Amino acid sequence: MAMTLKVYEVTREGLTRIVRQETEVVPLAQPEASHRLPACECPQCKAPAR
């Protein structure tokens, strides 16, 4: 399965320009460790499961 990606830049005034033209990309099956977000550390997520 492929995805299409197009990158835009929008100024505060609302002007839009294309930074990168539309291109087809293939999603990774498993993201690299360096691309993963850290675990959430908020009190709700850190609370033990009931």
N, C-alpha and C. Protein backbone atom coordinates (compact mmCIF):
# COMPACT_ATOMS: atom_id res chain seq x y z
N MET A 1 0.84 -1.17 0.00
CA MET A 1 0.00 0.00 0.00
C MET A 1 0.89 1.24 0.00
N ALA A 2 0.61 2.19 -0.85
CA ALA A 2 1.40 3.42 -0.93
C ALA A 2 0.55 4.61 -0.48
N MET A 3 1.23 5.64 -0.02
CA MET A 3 0.57 6.88 0.39
C MET A 3 1.14 8.00 -0.47
N THR A 4 0.37 9.09 -0.57
CA THR A 4 0.83 10.25 -1.31
C THR A 4 1.11 11.37 -0.32
N LEU A 5 2.22 12.05 -0.49
CA LEU A 5 2.63 13.11 0.42
C LEU A 5 2.95 14.36 -0.37
N LYS A 6 2.45 15.50 0.11
CA LYS A 6 2.74 16.80 -0.49
C LYS A 6 2.97 17.77 0.66
N VAL A 7 4.05 18.53 0.62
CA VAL A 7 4.42 19.40 1.73
C VAL A 7 4.14 20.86 1.36
N TYR A 8 3.39 21.54 2.26
CA TYR A 8 3.06 22.95 2.07
C TYR A 8 3.67 23.78 3.19
N GLU A 9 3.83 25.08 2.91
CA GLU A 9 4.21 26.03 3.94
C GLU A 9 3.15 27.13 3.92
N VAL A 10 2.61 27.47 5.08
CA VAL A 10 1.59 28.50 5.18
C VAL A 10 2.10 29.60 6.09
N THR A 11 2.07 30.84 5.61
CA THR A 11 2.52 31.98 6.41
C THR A 11 1.41 32.43 7.34
N ARG A 12 1.73 33.30 8.27
CA ARG A 12 0.72 33.84 9.19
C ARG A 12 -0.35 34.61 8.45
N GLU A 13 0.01 35.14 7.28
CA GLU A 13 -0.94 35.91 6.48
C GLU A 13 -1.85 35.00 5.66
N GLY A 14 -1.60 33.70 5.70
CA GLY A 14 -2.44 32.75 4.97
C GLY A 14 -1.94 32.42 3.58
N LEU A 15 -0.76 32.92 3.21
CA LEU A 15 -0.20 32.59 1.90
C LEU A 15 0.35 31.17 1.94
N THR A 16 0.04 30.40 0.91
CA THR A 16 0.46 29.01 0.85
C THR A 16 1.42 28.80 -0.31
N ARG A 17 2.48 28.05 -0.07
CA ARG A 17 3.38 27.67 -1.16
C ARG A 17 3.73 26.20 -1.00
N ILE A 18 3.99 25.56 -2.11
CA ILE A 18 4.35 24.14 -2.10
C ILE A 18 5.85 24.03 -1.86
N VAL A 19 6.22 23.30 -0.82
CA VAL A 19 7.63 23.09 -0.48
C VAL A 19 8.15 21.87 -1.23
N ARG A 20 7.33 20.82 -1.31
CA ARG A 20 7.73 19.59 -2.00
C ARG A 20 6.52 19.09 -2.79
N GLN A 21 6.72 18.83 -4.07
CA GLN A 21 5.64 18.35 -4.92
C GLN A 21 5.12 16.99 -4.44
N GLU A 22 3.93 16.65 -4.90
CA GLU A 22 3.31 15.38 -4.52
C GLU A 22 4.20 14.22 -4.94
N THR A 23 4.43 13.32 -4.02
CA THR A 23 5.26 12.16 -4.29
C THR A 23 4.68 10.94 -3.58
N GLU A 24 4.90 9.78 -4.13
CA GLU A 24 4.40 8.56 -3.53
C GLU A 24 5.42 8.01 -2.54
N VAL A 25 4.96 7.64 -1.37
CA VAL A 25 5.83 7.08 -0.34
C VAL A 25 5.25 5.77 0.16
N VAL A 26 6.12 4.90 0.61
CA VAL A 26 5.69 3.62 1.16
C VAL A 26 5.90 3.68 2.67
N PRO A 27 4.82 3.49 3.47
CA PRO A 27 4.97 3.57 4.92
C PRO A 27 5.85 2.43 5.45
N LEU A 28 6.55 2.72 6.54
CA LEU A 28 7.38 1.70 7.18
C LEU A 28 6.49 0.72 7.93
N ALA A 29 6.87 -0.54 7.93
CA ALA A 29 6.15 -1.54 8.71
C ALA A 29 6.37 -1.30 10.20
N GLN A 30 7.58 -0.91 10.56
CA GLN A 30 7.96 -0.65 11.95
C GLN A 30 8.86 0.58 11.97
N PRO A 31 8.47 1.67 12.64
CA PRO A 31 9.33 2.86 12.65
C PRO A 31 10.66 2.60 13.36
N GLU A 32 11.68 3.30 12.92
CA GLU A 32 12.99 3.17 13.56
C GLU A 32 12.88 3.71 14.99
N ALA A 33 13.69 3.21 15.88
CA ALA A 33 13.64 3.62 17.29
C ALA A 33 13.84 5.12 17.44
N SER A 34 14.67 5.72 16.60
CA SER A 34 14.93 7.16 16.71
C SER A 34 13.73 8.00 16.28
N HIS A 35 12.75 7.41 15.60
CA HIS A 35 11.57 8.14 15.13
C HIS A 35 10.39 8.01 16.07
N ARG A 36 10.49 7.20 17.09
CA ARG A 36 9.38 6.99 18.01
C ARG A 36 9.31 8.10 19.04
N LEU A 37 8.11 8.46 19.43
CA LEU A 37 7.92 9.45 20.48
C LEU A 37 8.16 8.79 21.84
N PRO A 38 8.64 9.54 22.81
CA PRO A 38 8.82 8.95 24.14
C PRO A 38 7.46 8.65 24.78
N ALA A 39 7.44 7.75 25.72
CA ALA A 39 6.20 7.41 26.41
C ALA A 39 5.67 8.63 27.15
N CYS A 40 4.36 8.75 27.21
CA CYS A 40 3.73 9.87 27.91
C CYS A 40 4.02 9.76 29.41
N GLU A 41 4.32 10.88 30.03
CA GLU A 41 4.64 10.88 31.45
C GLU A 41 3.64 11.68 32.27
N CYS A 42 2.45 11.94 31.72
CA CYS A 42 1.45 12.70 32.48
C CYS A 42 0.92 11.82 33.62
N PRO A 43 0.37 12.42 34.69
CA PRO A 43 -0.11 11.65 35.83
C PRO A 43 -1.16 10.60 35.45
N GLN A 44 -2.01 10.92 34.50
CA GLN A 44 -3.06 9.97 34.11
C GLN A 44 -2.46 8.71 33.48
N CYS A 45 -1.47 8.90 32.62
CA CYS A 45 -0.84 7.74 31.94
C CYS A 45 0.08 6.97 32.87
N LYS A 46 0.68 7.66 33.84
CA LYS A 46 1.60 6.99 34.76
C LYS A 46 0.88 6.26 35.89
N ALA A 47 -0.43 6.53 36.06
CA ALA A 47 -1.19 5.89 37.12
C ALA A 47 -1.29 4.39 36.87
N PRO A 48 -1.21 3.58 37.91
CA PRO A 48 -1.32 2.12 37.72
C PRO A 48 -2.69 1.74 37.20
N ALA A 49 -2.73 0.71 36.37
CA ALA A 49 -4.01 0.23 35.82
C ALA A 49 -4.88 -0.34 36.94
N ARG A 50 -6.16 -0.14 36.81
CA ARG A 50 -7.09 -0.65 37.83
C ARG A 50 -7.65 -1.98 37.46
